[in-house]
Amino acid sequence: MSGVEGSGVEGGAAGPAVTGVEGCGRVLPSRVEGGAASPALTRLERRAFEAFTTAVVAPAPPLPPVRATDAAEAFAATLAASPPLNRLGLRAGMLAAGVAARRTPHHPALKPLRALAHFHYYGDPRVMELLGYDADAVVARARR
């Protein structure tokens, strides 16, 4: 089984087990096996992520600004679930992307980070709801 319902990601060859916290339709890992808290984003990393995501997603009303979503927390959860070397690369890449956000957010080298920015922003339950996506209805249909 690839995961336990409502519990995030299961451990195994890919890494330690991560338990999840249910909230607003999105399960964000809260603790890594062994009781260590998920690596939080530093203030600088959070600002870089929000600046870059704002530049590439460019949310306009009625969509909320990036800082009003759980996108940064979801990115932190991705970091927590990543192997250490990948985590280091993502942190460094996002810091560099945050600096480049004002100048060249659409540079081809930033394509993987743009995908992550879109993934984490549009995965916010409120954003999905505003766009007409009902995650609970999809889950209910899948369980029938």
N, C-alpha and C. Protein backbone atom coordinates (compact mmCIF):
# COMPACT_ATOMS: atom_id res chain seq x y z
N MET A 1 0.85 -1.18 0.00
CA MET A 1 0.00 0.00 0.00
C MET A 1 0.89 1.24 0.00
N SER A 2 0.58 2.24 -0.78
CA SER A 2 1.45 3.39 -0.91
C SER A 2 1.25 4.41 0.20
N GLY A 3 0.22 4.33 0.94
CA GLY A 3 0.01 5.27 2.03
C GLY A 3 -1.17 4.86 2.87
N VAL A 4 -1.24 5.36 4.06
CA VAL A 4 -2.35 5.07 4.94
C VAL A 4 -3.31 6.24 4.86
N GLU A 5 -4.59 5.94 4.74
CA GLU A 5 -5.60 6.98 4.58
C GLU A 5 -5.45 8.07 5.64
N GLY A 6 -5.27 9.31 5.17
CA GLY A 6 -5.20 10.45 6.06
C GLY A 6 -3.91 10.57 6.86
N SER A 7 -2.90 9.75 6.53
CA SER A 7 -1.70 9.81 7.35
C SER A 7 -0.47 10.33 6.63
N GLY A 8 -0.62 10.82 5.45
CA GLY A 8 0.55 11.34 4.76
C GLY A 8 1.25 10.26 3.97
N VAL A 9 2.54 10.11 4.16
CA VAL A 9 3.34 9.21 3.36
C VAL A 9 3.84 8.07 4.23
N GLU A 10 3.95 6.89 3.64
CA GLU A 10 4.43 5.74 4.37
C GLU A 10 5.94 5.63 4.22
N GLY A 11 6.59 5.05 5.20
CA GLY A 11 8.04 4.89 5.15
C GLY A 11 8.43 3.75 4.23
N GLY A 12 9.69 3.46 4.15
CA GLY A 12 10.20 2.40 3.31
C GLY A 12 11.50 2.83 2.69
N ALA A 13 11.78 2.29 1.51
CA ALA A 13 13.04 2.60 0.84
C ALA A 13 13.15 4.08 0.50
N ALA A 14 12.00 4.74 0.31
CA ALA A 14 12.02 6.14 -0.08
C ALA A 14 12.35 7.08 1.07
N GLY A 15 12.24 6.61 2.31
CA GLY A 15 12.54 7.49 3.43
C GLY A 15 11.70 7.17 4.64
N PRO A 16 11.80 8.02 5.67
CA PRO A 16 11.09 7.76 6.92
C PRO A 16 9.60 8.00 6.76
N ALA A 17 8.84 7.36 7.64
CA ALA A 17 7.40 7.55 7.65
C ALA A 17 7.09 8.96 8.10
N VAL A 18 6.08 9.57 7.50
CA VAL A 18 5.66 10.91 7.86
C VAL A 18 4.18 10.83 8.20
N THR A 19 3.81 11.36 9.35
CA THR A 19 2.40 11.39 9.71
C THR A 19 1.83 12.72 9.27
N GLY A 20 0.54 12.76 9.05
CA GLY A 20 -0.06 13.97 8.53
C GLY A 20 -1.05 14.61 9.47
N VAL A 21 -1.38 15.85 9.15
CA VAL A 21 -2.37 16.59 9.89
C VAL A 21 -3.48 16.93 8.91
N GLU A 22 -4.70 16.49 9.21
CA GLU A 22 -5.83 16.81 8.35
C GLU A 22 -6.20 18.26 8.58
N GLY A 23 -6.47 18.99 7.54
CA GLY A 23 -6.90 20.37 7.70
C GLY A 23 -7.29 20.95 6.37
N CYS A 24 -8.52 21.37 6.26
CA CYS A 24 -9.00 22.05 5.06
C CYS A 24 -8.79 21.22 3.80
N GLY A 25 -8.88 19.90 3.90
CA GLY A 25 -8.79 19.07 2.72
C GLY A 25 -7.38 18.73 2.28
N ARG A 26 -6.36 19.29 2.89
CA ARG A 26 -4.99 19.00 2.50
C ARG A 26 -4.29 18.35 3.69
N VAL A 27 -3.57 17.27 3.42
CA VAL A 27 -2.82 16.61 4.48
C VAL A 27 -1.37 17.06 4.37
N LEU A 28 -0.91 17.75 5.39
CA LEU A 28 0.46 18.23 5.41
C LEU A 28 1.23 17.45 6.46
N PRO A 29 2.37 16.87 6.09
CA PRO A 29 3.16 16.14 7.08
C PRO A 29 3.51 17.05 8.25
N SER A 30 3.37 16.51 9.45
CA SER A 30 3.67 17.32 10.62
C SER A 30 4.89 16.83 11.37
N ARG A 31 5.11 15.54 11.37
CA ARG A 31 6.23 14.99 12.11
C ARG A 31 6.85 13.85 11.31
N VAL A 32 8.17 13.77 11.37
CA VAL A 32 8.91 12.72 10.70
C VAL A 32 9.18 11.63 11.72
N GLU A 33 9.23 10.36 11.26
CA GLU A 33 9.49 9.22 12.14
C GLU A 33 10.61 9.53 13.12
N GLY A 34 10.41 9.16 14.35
CA GLY A 34 11.40 9.44 15.37
C GLY A 34 11.06 10.69 16.16
N GLY A 35 9.95 11.35 15.82
CA GLY A 35 9.47 12.48 16.59
C GLY A 35 10.04 13.83 16.22
N ALA A 36 10.92 13.90 15.24
CA ALA A 36 11.50 15.19 14.86
C ALA A 36 10.48 16.00 14.08
N ALA A 37 10.36 17.26 14.42
CA ALA A 37 9.44 18.12 13.70
C ALA A 37 9.92 18.32 12.27
N SER A 38 8.99 18.56 11.34
CA SER A 38 9.35 18.83 9.96
C SER A 38 10.26 20.03 9.89
N PRO A 39 11.26 20.00 9.01
CA PRO A 39 12.14 21.17 8.89
C PRO A 39 11.33 22.37 8.43
N ALA A 40 11.27 23.37 9.26
CA ALA A 40 10.51 24.57 8.93
C ALA A 40 11.31 25.44 7.97
N LEU A 41 10.59 26.25 7.24
CA LEU A 41 11.26 27.23 6.39
C LEU A 41 11.76 28.37 7.26
N THR A 42 12.94 28.85 6.98
CA THR A 42 13.41 30.05 7.66
C THR A 42 12.61 31.23 7.12
N ARG A 43 12.69 32.35 7.80
CA ARG A 43 11.97 33.54 7.33
C ARG A 43 12.44 33.94 5.93
N LEU A 44 13.74 33.85 5.69
CA LEU A 44 14.30 34.18 4.38
C LEU A 44 13.79 33.22 3.30
N GLU A 45 13.77 31.91 3.61
CA GLU A 45 13.27 30.93 2.65
C GLU A 45 11.79 31.14 2.36
N ARG A 46 11.01 31.44 3.39
CA ARG A 46 9.58 31.70 3.21
C ARG A 46 9.37 32.92 2.31
N ARG A 47 10.12 33.99 2.58
CA ARG A 47 9.98 35.19 1.74
C ARG A 47 10.39 34.91 0.30
N ALA A 48 11.45 34.13 0.11
CA ALA A 48 11.90 33.78 -1.25
C ALA A 48 10.83 32.95 -1.95
N PHE A 49 10.27 31.95 -1.25
CA PHE A 49 9.23 31.12 -1.84
C PHE A 49 8.02 31.97 -2.22
N GLU A 50 7.58 32.83 -1.30
CA GLU A 50 6.40 33.67 -1.57
C GLU A 50 6.65 34.65 -2.71
N ALA A 51 7.85 35.25 -2.76
CA ALA A 51 8.16 36.20 -3.84
C ALA A 51 8.19 35.49 -5.19
N PHE A 52 8.86 34.35 -5.23
CA PHE A 52 8.95 33.61 -6.49
C PHE A 52 7.56 33.11 -6.92
N THR A 53 6.81 32.55 -6.00
CA THR A 53 5.48 32.02 -6.33
C THR A 53 4.56 33.15 -6.79
N THR A 54 4.63 34.29 -6.14
CA THR A 54 3.83 35.44 -6.56
C THR A 54 4.20 35.87 -7.97
N ALA A 55 5.49 35.86 -8.28
CA ALA A 55 5.95 36.28 -9.61
C ALA A 55 5.50 35.31 -10.70
N VAL A 56 5.54 34.00 -10.43
CA VAL A 56 5.23 33.05 -11.49
C VAL A 56 3.75 32.70 -11.57
N VAL A 57 3.05 32.72 -10.44
CA VAL A 57 1.62 32.39 -10.45
C VAL A 57 0.80 33.65 -10.74
N ALA A 58 1.24 34.79 -10.22
CA ALA A 58 0.56 36.07 -10.39
C ALA A 58 -0.93 35.99 -10.08
N PRO A 59 -1.28 35.58 -8.85
CA PRO A 59 -2.70 35.46 -8.52
C PRO A 59 -3.40 36.82 -8.52
N ALA A 60 -4.55 36.85 -9.13
CA ALA A 60 -5.36 38.07 -9.19
C ALA A 60 -6.71 37.77 -8.53
N PRO A 61 -7.34 38.79 -7.94
CA PRO A 61 -8.64 38.55 -7.30
C PRO A 61 -9.60 37.89 -8.28
N PRO A 62 -10.36 36.94 -7.80
CA PRO A 62 -10.67 36.62 -6.41
C PRO A 62 -9.69 35.65 -5.75
N LEU A 63 -8.64 35.22 -6.46
CA LEU A 63 -7.68 34.31 -5.85
C LEU A 63 -6.88 35.04 -4.77
N PRO A 64 -6.60 34.35 -3.67
CA PRO A 64 -5.88 35.01 -2.57
C PRO A 64 -4.40 35.18 -2.90
N PRO A 65 -3.75 36.15 -2.26
CA PRO A 65 -2.31 36.28 -2.43
C PRO A 65 -1.61 35.05 -1.85
N VAL A 66 -0.42 34.78 -2.30
CA VAL A 66 0.33 33.60 -1.87
C VAL A 66 0.45 33.54 -0.36
N ARG A 67 0.73 34.65 0.28
CA ARG A 67 0.94 34.64 1.73
C ARG A 67 -0.33 34.28 2.51
N ALA A 68 -1.51 34.35 1.87
CA ALA A 68 -2.78 34.02 2.52
C ALA A 68 -3.17 32.56 2.30
N THR A 69 -2.29 31.77 1.70
CA THR A 69 -2.58 30.35 1.45
C THR A 69 -1.63 29.49 2.29
N ASP A 70 -1.80 28.18 2.19
CA ASP A 70 -0.89 27.27 2.89
C ASP A 70 0.23 26.80 1.97
N ALA A 71 0.49 27.54 0.90
CA ALA A 71 1.50 27.13 -0.08
C ALA A 71 2.88 26.99 0.55
N ALA A 72 3.28 27.93 1.39
CA ALA A 72 4.61 27.85 2.01
C ALA A 72 4.69 26.66 2.97
N GLU A 73 3.61 26.39 3.70
CA GLU A 73 3.59 25.23 4.59
C GLU A 73 3.65 23.94 3.78
N ALA A 74 2.97 23.92 2.66
CA ALA A 74 3.00 22.74 1.80
C ALA A 74 4.40 22.53 1.22
N PHE A 75 5.07 23.64 0.87
CA PHE A 75 6.45 23.53 0.38
C PHE A 75 7.35 23.00 1.50
N ALA A 76 7.15 23.47 2.72
CA ALA A 76 7.92 22.97 3.86
C ALA A 76 7.66 21.47 4.06
N ALA A 77 6.43 21.03 3.83
CA ALA A 77 6.10 19.61 3.95
C ALA A 77 6.81 18.81 2.86
N THR A 78 6.91 19.37 1.67
CA THR A 78 7.65 18.72 0.59
C THR A 78 9.12 18.57 0.98
N LEU A 79 9.67 19.63 1.57
CA LEU A 79 11.06 19.56 2.04
C LEU A 79 11.22 18.47 3.09
N ALA A 80 10.27 18.38 4.01
CA ALA A 80 10.35 17.39 5.09
C ALA A 80 10.32 15.97 4.55
N ALA A 81 9.59 15.77 3.47
CA ALA A 81 9.45 14.43 2.90
C ALA A 81 10.56 14.09 1.91
N SER A 82 11.42 15.06 1.61
CA SER A 82 12.48 14.86 0.63
C SER A 82 13.74 14.29 1.28
N PRO A 83 14.51 13.53 0.51
CA PRO A 83 15.82 13.08 1.02
C PRO A 83 16.69 14.31 1.31
N PRO A 84 17.62 14.20 2.25
CA PRO A 84 18.43 15.35 2.66
C PRO A 84 19.12 16.10 1.52
N LEU A 85 19.69 15.40 0.57
CA LEU A 85 20.39 16.08 -0.52
C LEU A 85 19.39 16.85 -1.40
N ASN A 86 18.24 16.25 -1.68
CA ASN A 86 17.20 16.95 -2.46
C ASN A 86 16.70 18.18 -1.69
N ARG A 87 16.53 18.01 -0.38
CA ARG A 87 16.07 19.12 0.47
C ARG A 87 17.03 20.29 0.37
N LEU A 88 18.32 20.00 0.45
CA LEU A 88 19.33 21.05 0.34
C LEU A 88 19.25 21.75 -1.02
N GLY A 89 19.12 20.97 -2.08
CA GLY A 89 19.01 21.54 -3.42
C GLY A 89 17.77 22.39 -3.60
N LEU A 90 16.63 21.92 -3.06
CA LEU A 90 15.39 22.70 -3.16
C LEU A 90 15.49 24.01 -2.38
N ARG A 91 16.08 23.94 -1.20
CA ARG A 91 16.24 25.16 -0.40
C ARG A 91 17.12 26.18 -1.14
N ALA A 92 18.27 25.72 -1.64
CA ALA A 92 19.18 26.62 -2.35
C ALA A 92 18.54 27.15 -3.63
N GLY A 93 17.88 26.26 -4.36
CA GLY A 93 17.22 26.68 -5.60
C GLY A 93 16.14 27.71 -5.37
N MET A 94 15.34 27.51 -4.32
CA MET A 94 14.25 28.45 -4.06
C MET A 94 14.81 29.79 -3.57
N LEU A 95 15.89 29.78 -2.81
CA LEU A 95 16.51 31.05 -2.41
C LEU A 95 16.99 31.82 -3.64
N ALA A 96 17.65 31.12 -4.56
CA ALA A 96 18.11 31.76 -5.80
C ALA A 96 16.93 32.23 -6.64
N ALA A 97 15.89 31.43 -6.70
CA ALA A 97 14.71 31.80 -7.48
C ALA A 97 14.01 33.02 -6.88
N GLY A 98 14.03 33.12 -5.55
CA GLY A 98 13.44 34.28 -4.90
C GLY A 98 14.16 35.56 -5.28
N VAL A 99 15.47 35.49 -5.43
CA VAL A 99 16.26 36.64 -5.86
C VAL A 99 15.96 36.96 -7.33
N ALA A 100 15.83 35.92 -8.14
CA ALA A 100 15.59 36.09 -9.58
C ALA A 100 14.13 36.43 -9.90
N ALA A 101 13.25 36.34 -8.92
CA ALA A 101 11.82 36.50 -9.16
C ALA A 101 11.46 37.81 -9.85
N ARG A 102 12.13 38.88 -9.48
CA ARG A 102 11.78 40.17 -10.06
C ARG A 102 12.37 40.35 -11.45
N ARG A 103 13.50 39.68 -11.71
CA ARG A 103 14.19 39.89 -12.98
C ARG A 103 13.78 38.90 -14.06
N THR A 104 13.91 37.62 -13.77
CA THR A 104 13.69 36.60 -14.79
C THR A 104 12.95 35.38 -14.23
N PRO A 105 11.70 35.54 -13.76
CA PRO A 105 11.00 34.39 -13.18
C PRO A 105 10.66 33.31 -14.20
N HIS A 106 10.72 33.63 -15.48
CA HIS A 106 10.35 32.65 -16.51
C HIS A 106 11.55 32.10 -17.27
N HIS A 107 12.73 32.22 -16.68
CA HIS A 107 13.93 31.65 -17.28
C HIS A 107 13.77 30.13 -17.36
N PRO A 108 14.17 29.50 -18.47
CA PRO A 108 14.00 28.05 -18.63
C PRO A 108 14.63 27.21 -17.50
N ALA A 109 15.71 27.69 -16.90
CA ALA A 109 16.36 26.94 -15.84
C ALA A 109 15.49 26.85 -14.58
N LEU A 110 14.51 27.75 -14.47
CA LEU A 110 13.65 27.77 -13.28
C LEU A 110 12.36 26.98 -13.47
N LYS A 111 12.22 26.29 -14.60
CA LYS A 111 10.98 25.56 -14.89
C LYS A 111 10.59 24.57 -13.78
N PRO A 112 11.51 23.75 -13.25
CA PRO A 112 11.10 22.84 -12.18
C PRO A 112 10.61 23.56 -10.93
N LEU A 113 11.22 24.70 -10.59
CA LEU A 113 10.76 25.45 -9.43
C LEU A 113 9.43 26.15 -9.70
N ARG A 114 9.20 26.57 -10.94
CA ARG A 114 7.89 27.14 -11.30
C ARG A 114 6.80 26.09 -11.13
N ALA A 115 7.11 24.85 -11.54
CA ALA A 115 6.13 23.77 -11.38
C ALA A 115 5.81 23.55 -9.90
N LEU A 116 6.83 23.56 -9.05
CA LEU A 116 6.59 23.41 -7.61
C LEU A 116 5.77 24.57 -7.06
N ALA A 117 6.06 25.78 -7.51
CA ALA A 117 5.30 26.95 -7.05
C ALA A 117 3.82 26.81 -7.42
N HIS A 118 3.55 26.43 -8.66
CA HIS A 118 2.16 26.24 -9.09
C HIS A 118 1.50 25.11 -8.31
N PHE A 119 2.20 24.01 -8.17
CA PHE A 119 1.67 22.85 -7.45
C PHE A 119 1.26 23.22 -6.02
N HIS A 120 2.13 23.93 -5.31
CA HIS A 120 1.84 24.27 -3.92
C HIS A 120 0.78 25.36 -3.80
N TYR A 121 0.76 26.32 -4.71
CA TYR A 121 -0.26 27.38 -4.64
C TYR A 121 -1.64 26.82 -4.99
N TYR A 122 -1.74 26.14 -6.12
CA TYR A 122 -3.05 25.66 -6.55
C TYR A 122 -3.53 24.45 -5.76
N GLY A 123 -2.69 23.89 -4.89
CA GLY A 123 -3.10 22.82 -4.00
C GLY A 123 -3.77 23.32 -2.74
N ASP A 124 -3.75 24.62 -2.52
CA ASP A 124 -4.42 25.19 -1.35
C ASP A 124 -5.92 24.95 -1.47
N PRO A 125 -6.56 24.43 -0.42
CA PRO A 125 -7.99 24.12 -0.50
C PRO A 125 -8.86 25.32 -0.88
N ARG A 126 -8.55 26.49 -0.37
CA ARG A 126 -9.36 27.67 -0.70
C ARG A 126 -9.21 28.05 -2.17
N VAL A 127 -8.00 27.95 -2.69
CA VAL A 127 -7.77 28.25 -4.11
C VAL A 127 -8.53 27.25 -4.97
N MET A 128 -8.42 25.95 -4.61
CA MET A 128 -9.14 24.93 -5.39
C MET A 128 -10.64 25.19 -5.37
N GLU A 129 -11.17 25.57 -4.21
CA GLU A 129 -12.61 25.84 -4.10
C GLU A 129 -13.01 27.02 -4.96
N LEU A 130 -12.21 28.09 -4.94
CA LEU A 130 -12.50 29.26 -5.76
C LEU A 130 -12.48 28.93 -7.26
N LEU A 131 -11.69 27.93 -7.63
CA LEU A 131 -11.62 27.52 -9.03
C LEU A 131 -12.65 26.46 -9.39
N GLY A 132 -13.47 26.08 -8.40
CA GLY A 132 -14.55 25.13 -8.67
C GLY A 132 -14.21 23.67 -8.44
N TYR A 133 -13.08 23.38 -7.85
CA TYR A 133 -12.68 22.00 -7.60
C TYR A 133 -13.11 21.60 -6.20
N ASP A 134 -13.81 20.50 -6.07
CA ASP A 134 -14.29 20.01 -4.78
C ASP A 134 -13.58 18.70 -4.46
N ALA A 135 -12.51 18.77 -3.68
CA ALA A 135 -11.72 17.60 -3.35
C ALA A 135 -12.53 16.55 -2.61
N ASP A 136 -13.40 16.99 -1.71
CA ASP A 136 -14.23 16.04 -0.94
C ASP A 136 -15.15 15.25 -1.87
N ALA A 137 -15.69 15.89 -2.89
CA ALA A 137 -16.57 15.19 -3.85
C ALA A 137 -15.78 14.16 -4.65
N VAL A 138 -14.55 14.48 -5.00
CA VAL A 138 -13.70 13.55 -5.74
C VAL A 138 -13.40 12.32 -4.89
N VAL A 139 -13.06 12.55 -3.62
CA VAL A 139 -12.78 11.44 -2.71
C VAL A 139 -14.03 10.59 -2.52
N ALA A 140 -15.18 11.23 -2.36
CA ALA A 140 -16.44 10.49 -2.19
C ALA A 140 -16.75 9.63 -3.41
N ARG A 141 -16.52 10.17 -4.60
CA ARG A 141 -16.74 9.38 -5.83
C ARG A 141 -15.78 8.20 -5.90
N ALA A 142 -14.56 8.41 -5.49
CA ALA A 142 -13.54 7.34 -5.55
C ALA A 142 -13.86 6.23 -4.55
N ARG A 143 -14.51 6.55 -3.47
CA ARG A 143 -14.82 5.55 -2.45
C ARG A 143 -16.06 4.73 -2.77
N ARG A 144 -16.82 5.14 -3.77
CA ARG A 144 -18.03 4.39 -4.13
C ARG A 144 -17.69 3.11 -4.80
